[in-house]
């Protein structure tokens, strides 16, 4: 009787141990993708904010200023010292001449935008350094043009985007190539106006997309 009783106790013990939970080390388990709902940012880190695209603009006014504090140079050297160097118009008020060129370019580049956000575009010329006669008919060079742009709310005057300084350099033809360009109607004024129009168009529609090609221009001139 005692023998059968012991067998029954042993059998009962085996049954209980078989029902116990076995802890298997998780490092040996195959990789399983974690459900999306279970993913969270680890402690000590911050999730990157989702940036919304900038709203499309509609430019209702363009104002270009050329400060009288800029220095005008009439020196006929290769690289005259001055903020404003412009020779294609007859000798006269260079500030007014540069203002007219940049105004036309900004109006051309901002025309036709039909975004929902109305804006005023203000441009302040900081440098307008085209070629002298000597450089124009010999070596060529670079039209070095810099301006600061502001986009403001037409009603409140508040800035819609931070002010930005744009360096809009353009390769300037010299020698025979300059003469050929002028024969096709591609004067300095025409080329600079078209270039500035393209630059401001890029900045209004895709801010930061315009890259100053100065390094490439310098390499091309070497």
C-alpha atoms as a PDB file:
ATOM      1  CA  UNK A   1       0.000   0.000   0.000  1.00  0.00           C
ATOM      2  CA  UNK A   2       2.816   2.402   0.918  1.00  0.00           C
ATOM      3  CA  UNK A   3       4.524   1.580  -2.374  1.00  0.00           C
ATOM      4  CA  UNK A   4       1.500   2.598  -4.446  1.00  0.00           C
ATOM      5  CA  UNK A   5       1.074   5.717  -2.327  1.00  0.00           C
ATOM      6  CA  UNK A   6       4.639   6.848  -3.112  1.00  0.00           C
ATOM      7  CA  UNK A   7       4.116   6.295  -6.845  1.00  0.00           C
ATOM      8  CA  UNK A   8       0.990   8.444  -6.736  1.00  0.00           C
ATOM      9  CA  UNK A   9       2.859  11.291  -4.963  1.00  0.00           C
ATOM     10  CA  UNK A  10       5.703  11.190  -7.497  1.00  0.00           C
ATOM     11  CA  UNK A  11       3.264  11.283 -10.418  1.00  0.00           C
ATOM     12  CA  UNK A  12       1.477  14.263  -8.856  1.00  0.00           C
ATOM     13  CA  UNK A  13       4.766  16.123  -8.453  1.00  0.00           C
ATOM     14  CA  UNK A  14       5.706  15.592 -12.090  1.00  0.00           C
ATOM     15  CA  UNK A  15       2.317  16.901 -13.195  1.00  0.00           C
ATOM     16  CA  UNK A  16       2.691  20.099 -11.157  1.00  0.00           C
ATOM     17  CA  UNK A  17       6.240  20.782 -12.412  1.00  0.00           C
ATOM     18  CA  UNK A  18       5.127  20.314 -16.017  1.00  0.00           C
ATOM     19  CA  UNK A  19       2.591  23.152 -15.544  1.00  0.00           C
ATOM     20  CA  UNK A  20       5.226  25.564 -14.220  1.00  0.00           C
ATOM     21  CA  UNK A  21       6.380  28.498 -16.462  1.00  0.00           C
ATOM     22  CA  UNK A  22       9.796  28.032 -17.971  1.00  0.00           C
ATOM     23  CA  UNK A  23      11.846  31.293 -18.317  1.00  0.00           C
ATOM     24  CA  UNK A  24      13.809  31.131 -21.603  1.00  0.00           C
ATOM     25  CA  UNK A  25      16.462  33.819 -22.082  1.00  0.00           C
ATOM     26  CA  UNK A  26      15.071  36.354 -24.593  1.00  0.00           C
ATOM     27  CA  UNK A  27      18.490  37.031 -26.147  1.00  0.00           C
ATOM     28  CA  UNK A  28      18.249  33.689 -27.943  1.00  0.00           C
ATOM     29  CA  UNK A  29      14.855  34.423 -29.483  1.00  0.00           C
ATOM     30  CA  UNK A  30      14.619  35.270 -33.181  1.00  0.00           C
ATOM     31  CA  UNK A  31      13.929  38.976 -34.050  1.00  0.00           C
ATOM     32  CA  UNK A  32      10.277  39.949 -34.254  1.00  0.00           C
ATOM     33  CA  UNK A  33       9.108  43.334 -35.565  1.00  0.00           C
ATOM     34  CA  UNK A  34       7.577  45.446 -32.819  1.00  0.00           C
ATOM     35  CA  UNK A  35       4.072  46.723 -33.562  1.00  0.00           C
ATOM     36  CA  UNK A  36       3.974  50.428 -34.466  1.00  0.00           C
ATOM     37  CA  UNK A  37       1.833  51.205 -31.474  1.00  0.00           C
ATOM     38  CA  UNK A  38       4.548  49.936 -29.166  1.00  0.00           C
ATOM     39  CA  UNK A  39       7.303  52.212 -30.533  1.00  0.00           C
ATOM     40  CA  UNK A  40       8.201  55.183 -28.367  1.00  0.00           C
ATOM     41  CA  UNK A  41      11.024  57.701 -28.196  1.00  0.00           C
ATOM     42  CA  UNK A  42      13.731  56.483 -25.764  1.00  0.00           C
ATOM     43  CA  UNK A  43      14.233  58.449 -22.591  1.00  0.00           C
ATOM     44  CA  UNK A  44      16.603  61.362 -23.036  1.00  0.00           C
ATOM     45  CA  UNK A  45      15.730  61.913 -26.709  1.00  0.00           C
ATOM     46  CA  UNK A  46      13.225  64.181 -28.392  1.00  0.00           C
ATOM     47  CA  UNK A  47      11.178  63.412 -31.452  1.00  0.00           C
ATOM     48  CA  UNK A  48      11.979  65.624 -34.431  1.00  0.00           C
ATOM     49  CA  UNK A  49       9.154  68.075 -35.165  1.00  0.00           C
ATOM     50  CA  UNK A  50       7.324  67.737 -38.463  1.00  0.00           C
ATOM     51  CA  UNK A  51       7.908  70.889 -40.491  1.00  0.00           C
ATOM     52  CA  UNK A  52       5.091  72.157 -42.667  1.00  0.00           C
ATOM     53  CA  UNK A  53       5.870  73.611 -46.083  1.00  0.00           C
ATOM     54  CA  UNK A  54       5.916  77.391 -46.251  1.00  0.00           C
ATOM     55  CA  UNK A  55       2.653  78.862 -47.556  1.00  0.00           C
ATOM     56  CA  UNK A  56       2.536  80.037 -51.144  1.00  0.00           C
ATOM     57  CA  UNK A  57       2.789  83.795 -51.578  1.00  0.00           C
ATOM     58  CA  UNK A  58       1.080  86.441 -53.662  1.00  0.00           C
ATOM     59  CA  UNK A  59       3.190  89.586 -54.018  1.00  0.00           C
ATOM     60  CA  UNK A  60       1.055  92.727 -54.167  1.00  0.00           C
ATOM     61  CA  UNK A  61       3.805  95.350 -53.915  1.00  0.00           C
ATOM     62  CA  UNK A  62       7.515  95.545 -54.710  1.00  0.00           C
ATOM     63  CA  UNK A  63       9.729  98.301 -53.326  1.00  0.00           C
ATOM     64  CA  UNK A  64      13.445  98.571 -54.122  1.00  0.00           C
ATOM     65  CA  UNK A  65      15.769 101.008 -52.383  1.00  0.00           C
ATOM     66  CA  UNK A  66      19.392 101.874 -53.138  1.00  0.00           C
ATOM     67  CA  UNK A  67      20.867 103.658 -50.108  1.00  0.00           C
ATOM     68  CA  UNK A  68      22.756 106.844 -50.863  1.00  0.00           C
ATOM     69  CA  UNK A  69      25.364 105.660 -48.377  1.00  0.00           C
ATOM     70  CA  UNK A  70      26.684 103.215 -50.973  1.00  0.00           C
ATOM     71  CA  UNK A  71      29.838 104.363 -52.721  1.00  0.00           C
ATOM     72  CA  UNK A  72      29.719 104.906 -56.465  1.00  0.00           C
ATOM     73  CA  UNK A  73      32.898 104.400 -58.494  1.00  0.00           C
ATOM     74  CA  UNK A  74      33.471 105.800 -61.969  1.00  0.00           C
ATOM     75  CA  UNK A  75      37.055 104.562 -62.155  1.00  0.00           C
ATOM     76  CA  UNK A  76      37.806 102.706 -65.390  1.00  0.00           C
ATOM     77  CA  UNK A  77      39.988 100.025 -63.823  1.00  0.00           C
ATOM     78  CA  UNK A  78      39.599  96.263 -63.768  1.00  0.00           C
ATOM     79  CA  UNK A  79      38.444  96.105 -60.137  1.00  0.00           C
ATOM     80  CA  UNK A  80      37.435  99.559 -58.931  1.00  0.00           C
ATOM     81  CA  UNK A  81      36.704 100.048 -55.247  1.00  0.00           C
ATOM     82  CA  UNK A  82      33.060 100.867 -54.823  1.00  0.00           C
ATOM     83  CA  UNK A  83      29.648  99.451 -53.975  1.00  0.00           C
ATOM     84  CA  UNK A  84      28.065 100.606 -57.228  1.00  0.00           C
ATOM     85  CA  UNK A  85      29.800 100.151 -60.557  1.00  0.00           C
ATOM     86  CA  UNK A  86      27.517 100.638 -63.542  1.00  0.00           C
ATOM     87  CA  UNK A  87      28.501 101.925 -66.988  1.00  0.00           C
ATOM     88  CA  UNK A  88      25.968 100.708 -69.534  1.00  0.00           C
ATOM     89  CA  UNK A  89      23.659 103.695 -69.013  1.00  0.00           C
ATOM     90  CA  UNK A  90      24.895 107.223 -69.791  1.00  0.00           C
ATOM     91  CA  UNK A  91      26.707 109.015 -67.003  1.00  0.00           C
ATOM     92  CA  UNK A  92      24.163 110.202 -64.468  1.00  0.00           C
ATOM     93  CA  UNK A  93      22.477 109.229 -61.212  1.00  0.00           C
ATOM     94  CA  UNK A  94      23.815 105.701 -60.717  1.00  0.00           C
ATOM     95  CA  UNK A  95      21.574 105.130 -57.693  1.00  0.00           C
ATOM     96  CA  UNK A  96      18.466 105.781 -59.774  1.00  0.00           C
ATOM     97  CA  UNK A  97      19.769 103.683 -62.655  1.00  0.00           C
ATOM     98  CA  UNK A  98      20.504 100.688 -60.409  1.00  0.00           C
ATOM     99  CA  UNK A  99      17.153 101.105 -58.634  1.00  0.00           C
ATOM    100  CA  UNK A 100      15.314 100.941 -61.972  1.00  0.00           C
ATOM    101  CA  UNK A 101      17.163  97.762 -63.014  1.00  0.00           C
ATOM    102  CA  UNK A 102      16.563  95.928 -59.743  1.00  0.00           C
ATOM    103  CA  UNK A 103      12.941  97.135 -59.529  1.00  0.00           C
ATOM    104  CA  UNK A 104      12.193  95.737 -62.981  1.00  0.00           C
ATOM    105  CA  UNK A 105      13.861  92.439 -62.090  1.00  0.00           C
ATOM    106  CA  UNK A 106      11.978  92.020 -58.809  1.00  0.00           C
ATOM    107  CA  UNK A 107       8.642  92.830 -60.424  1.00  0.00           C
ATOM    108  CA  UNK A 108       9.344  90.380 -63.232  1.00  0.00           C
ATOM    109  CA  UNK A 109      10.414  87.612 -60.860  1.00  0.00           C
ATOM    110  CA  UNK A 110       7.481  88.014 -58.469  1.00  0.00           C
ATOM    111  CA  UNK A 111       4.759  88.428 -61.090  1.00  0.00           C
ATOM    112  CA  UNK A 112       2.084  85.772 -61.484  1.00  0.00           C
ATOM    113  CA  UNK A 113       2.391  84.169 -58.043  1.00  0.00           C
ATOM    114  CA  UNK A 114      -1.113  83.173 -56.942  1.00  0.00           C
ATOM    115  CA  UNK A 115      -0.603  81.909 -53.404  1.00  0.00           C
ATOM    116  CA  UNK A 116      -3.084  82.443 -50.609  1.00  0.00           C
ATOM    117  CA  UNK A 117      -0.764  84.618 -48.511  1.00  0.00           C
ATOM    118  CA  UNK A 118      -0.496  88.235 -49.639  1.00  0.00           C
ATOM    119  CA  UNK A 119       2.871  89.882 -49.106  1.00  0.00           C
ATOM    120  CA  UNK A 120       4.892  93.002 -49.791  1.00  0.00           C
ATOM    121  CA  UNK A 121       8.411  92.491 -51.082  1.00  0.00           C
ATOM    122  CA  UNK A 122      11.041  95.004 -50.014  1.00  0.00           C
ATOM    123  CA  UNK A 123      14.554  94.861 -51.433  1.00  0.00           C
ATOM    124  CA  UNK A 124      17.549  96.899 -50.333  1.00  0.00           C
ATOM    125  CA  UNK A 125      20.539  96.855 -52.653  1.00  0.00           C
ATOM    126  CA  UNK A 126      23.814  96.425 -50.791  1.00  0.00           C
ATOM    127  CA  UNK A 127      26.127  95.991 -53.763  1.00  0.00           C
ATOM    128  CA  UNK A 128      25.778  96.343 -57.512  1.00  0.00           C
ATOM    129  CA  UNK A 129      29.210  95.865 -59.027  1.00  0.00           C
ATOM    130  CA  UNK A 130      29.036  95.310 -62.783  1.00  0.00           C
ATOM    131  CA  UNK A 131      31.964  95.648 -65.195  1.00  0.00           C
ATOM    132  CA  UNK A 132      33.928  98.717 -66.146  1.00  0.00           C
ATOM    133  CA  UNK A 133      34.618  99.492 -69.790  1.00  0.00           C
ATOM    134  CA  UNK A 134      38.158  98.097 -69.468  1.00  0.00           C
ATOM    135  CA  UNK A 135      37.010  94.759 -68.025  1.00  0.00           C
ATOM    136  CA  UNK A 136      34.032  94.572 -70.371  1.00  0.00           C
ATOM    137  CA  UNK A 137      36.142  94.686 -73.520  1.00  0.00           C
ATOM    138  CA  UNK A 138      39.024  92.531 -72.290  1.00  0.00           C
ATOM    139  CA  UNK A 139      38.910  90.003 -69.452  1.00  0.00           C
ATOM    140  CA  UNK A 140      35.266  89.887 -68.422  1.00  0.00           C
ATOM    141  CA  UNK A 141      34.611  89.065 -64.785  1.00  0.00           C
ATOM    142  CA  UNK A 142      31.692  88.781 -62.389  1.00  0.00           C
ATOM    143  CA  UNK A 143      28.636  90.928 -61.830  1.00  0.00           C
ATOM    144  CA  UNK A 144      28.677  90.969 -58.009  1.00  0.00           C
ATOM    145  CA  UNK A 145      25.211  91.856 -56.753  1.00  0.00           C
ATOM    146  CA  UNK A 146      23.992  91.626 -53.157  1.00  0.00           C
ATOM    147  CA  UNK A 147      20.609  92.618 -51.787  1.00  0.00           C
ATOM    148  CA  UNK A 148      18.546  92.168 -48.639  1.00  0.00           C
ATOM    149  CA  UNK A 149      14.947  91.021 -48.996  1.00  0.00           C
ATOM    150  CA  UNK A 150      12.004  91.400 -46.618  1.00  0.00           C
ATOM    151  CA  UNK A 151       8.546  89.876 -46.904  1.00  0.00           C
ATOM    152  CA  UNK A 152       5.900  91.603 -44.817  1.00  0.00           C
ATOM    153  CA  UNK A 153       2.182  91.353 -44.190  1.00  0.00           C
ATOM    154  CA  UNK A 154       0.364  93.987 -46.288  1.00  0.00           C
ATOM    155  CA  UNK A 155      -1.910  94.951 -43.368  1.00  0.00           C
ATOM    156  CA  UNK A 156       0.189  94.673 -40.220  1.00  0.00           C
ATOM    157  CA  UNK A 157       3.680  95.082 -41.680  1.00  0.00           C
ATOM    158  CA  UNK A 158       4.860  92.062 -39.694  1.00  0.00           C
ATOM    159  CA  UNK A 159       7.639  89.953 -41.151  1.00  0.00           C
ATOM    160  CA  UNK A 160       6.358  86.808 -42.825  1.00  0.00           C
ATOM    161  CA  UNK A 161       9.846  85.309 -42.998  1.00  0.00           C
ATOM    162  CA  UNK A 162      13.168  86.388 -41.515  1.00  0.00           C
ATOM    163  CA  UNK A 163      15.107  89.013 -43.459  1.00  0.00           C
ATOM    164  CA  UNK A 164      17.602  87.442 -45.811  1.00  0.00           C
ATOM    165  CA  UNK A 165      20.706  88.684 -47.605  1.00  0.00           C
ATOM    166  CA  UNK A 166      21.097  87.252 -51.103  1.00  0.00           C
ATOM    167  CA  UNK A 167      24.388  87.219 -52.987  1.00  0.00           C
ATOM    168  CA  UNK A 168      23.366  86.926 -56.620  1.00  0.00           C
ATOM    169  CA  UNK A 169      26.586  86.853 -58.623  1.00  0.00           C
ATOM    170  CA  UNK A 170      26.534  86.368 -62.377  1.00  0.00           C
ATOM    171  CA  UNK A 171      29.337  85.625 -64.814  1.00  0.00           C
ATOM    172  CA  UNK A 172      30.098  88.720 -66.905  1.00  0.00           C
ATOM    173  CA  UNK A 173      31.228  88.330 -70.503  1.00  0.00           C
ATOM    174  CA  UNK A 174      34.320  90.072 -71.807  1.00  0.00           C
ATOM    175  CA  UNK A 175      36.067  90.679 -75.113  1.00  0.00           C
ATOM    176  CA  UNK A 176      34.645  89.041 -78.220  1.00  0.00           C
ATOM    177  CA  UNK A 177      32.040  87.149 -76.213  1.00  0.00           C
ATOM    178  CA  UNK A 178      30.693  90.403 -74.791  1.00  0.00           C
ATOM    179  CA  UNK A 179      30.419  91.883 -78.284  1.00  0.00           C
ATOM    180  CA  UNK A 180      28.627  88.787 -79.569  1.00  0.00           C
ATOM    181  CA  UNK A 181      26.198  88.905 -76.633  1.00  0.00           C
ATOM    182  CA  UNK A 182      25.412  92.575 -77.249  1.00  0.00           C
ATOM    183  CA  UNK A 183      24.804  91.817 -80.944  1.00  0.00           C
ATOM    184  CA  UNK A 184      22.137  89.322 -79.839  1.00  0.00           C
ATOM    185  CA  UNK A 185      20.573  91.895 -77.532  1.00  0.00           C
ATOM    186  CA  UNK A 186      22.074  90.305 -74.421  1.00  0.00           C
ATOM    187  CA  UNK A 187      23.385  93.491 -72.883  1.00  0.00           C
ATOM    188  CA  UNK A 188      24.578  93.657 -69.283  1.00  0.00           C
ATOM    189  CA  UNK A 189      21.234  95.154 -68.282  1.00  0.00           C
ATOM    190  CA  UNK A 190      19.243  92.399 -69.989  1.00  0.00           C
ATOM    191  CA  UNK A 191      21.338  89.609 -68.494  1.00  0.00           C
ATOM    192  CA  UNK A 192      21.387  91.073 -64.980  1.00  0.00           C
ATOM    193  CA  UNK A 193      17.641  91.750 -65.020  1.00  0.00           C
ATOM    194  CA  UNK A 194      16.843  88.203 -66.110  1.00  0.00           C
ATOM    195  CA  UNK A 195      19.242  86.728 -63.587  1.00  0.00           C
ATOM    196  CA  UNK A 196      17.853  88.705 -60.644  1.00  0.00           C
ATOM    197  CA  UNK A 197      14.303  87.848 -61.691  1.00  0.00           C
ATOM    198  CA  UNK A 198      15.195  84.153 -61.613  1.00  0.00           C
ATOM    199  CA  UNK A 199      16.912  84.472 -58.240  1.00  0.00           C
ATOM    200  CA  UNK A 200      13.991  86.198 -56.513  1.00  0.00           C
ATOM    201  CA  UNK A 201      11.541  83.744 -58.080  1.00  0.00           C
ATOM    202  CA  UNK A 202      13.425  80.841 -56.498  1.00  0.00           C
ATOM    203  CA  UNK A 203      13.566  82.559 -53.121  1.00  0.00           C
ATOM    204  CA  UNK A 204       9.837  83.326 -53.152  1.00  0.00           C
ATOM    205  CA  UNK A 205       8.707  79.861 -54.217  1.00  0.00           C
ATOM    206  CA  UNK A 206      11.391  77.622 -52.687  1.00  0.00           C
ATOM    207  CA  UNK A 207      13.319  79.565 -50.028  1.00  0.00           C
ATOM    208  CA  UNK A 208      16.952  78.540 -49.841  1.00  0.00           C
ATOM    209  CA  UNK A 209      16.946  76.793 -53.206  1.00  0.00           C
ATOM    210  CA  UNK A 210      19.132  79.433 -54.853  1.00  0.00           C
ATOM    211  CA  UNK A 211      22.859  78.817 -54.415  1.00  0.00           C
ATOM    212  CA  UNK A 212      25.413  81.467 -55.240  1.00  0.00           C
ATOM    213  CA  UNK A 213      27.635  80.048 -58.010  1.00  0.00           C
ATOM    214  CA  UNK A 214      30.584  82.267 -57.026  1.00  0.00           C
ATOM    215  CA  UNK A 215      33.071  79.395 -56.646  1.00  0.00           C
ATOM    216  CA  UNK A 216      32.083  77.950 -59.994  1.00  0.00           C
ATOM    217  CA  UNK A 217      32.345  81.366 -61.603  1.00  0.00           C
ATOM    218  CA  UNK A 218      35.801  81.955 -60.194  1.00  0.00           C
ATOM    219  CA  UNK A 219      36.958  78.562 -61.460  1.00  0.00           C
ATOM    220  CA  UNK A 220      35.554  79.282 -64.902  1.00  0.00           C
ATOM    221  CA  UNK A 221      37.462  82.546 -65.077  1.00  0.00           C
ATOM    222  CA  UNK A 222      40.794  80.924 -64.275  1.00  0.00           C
END
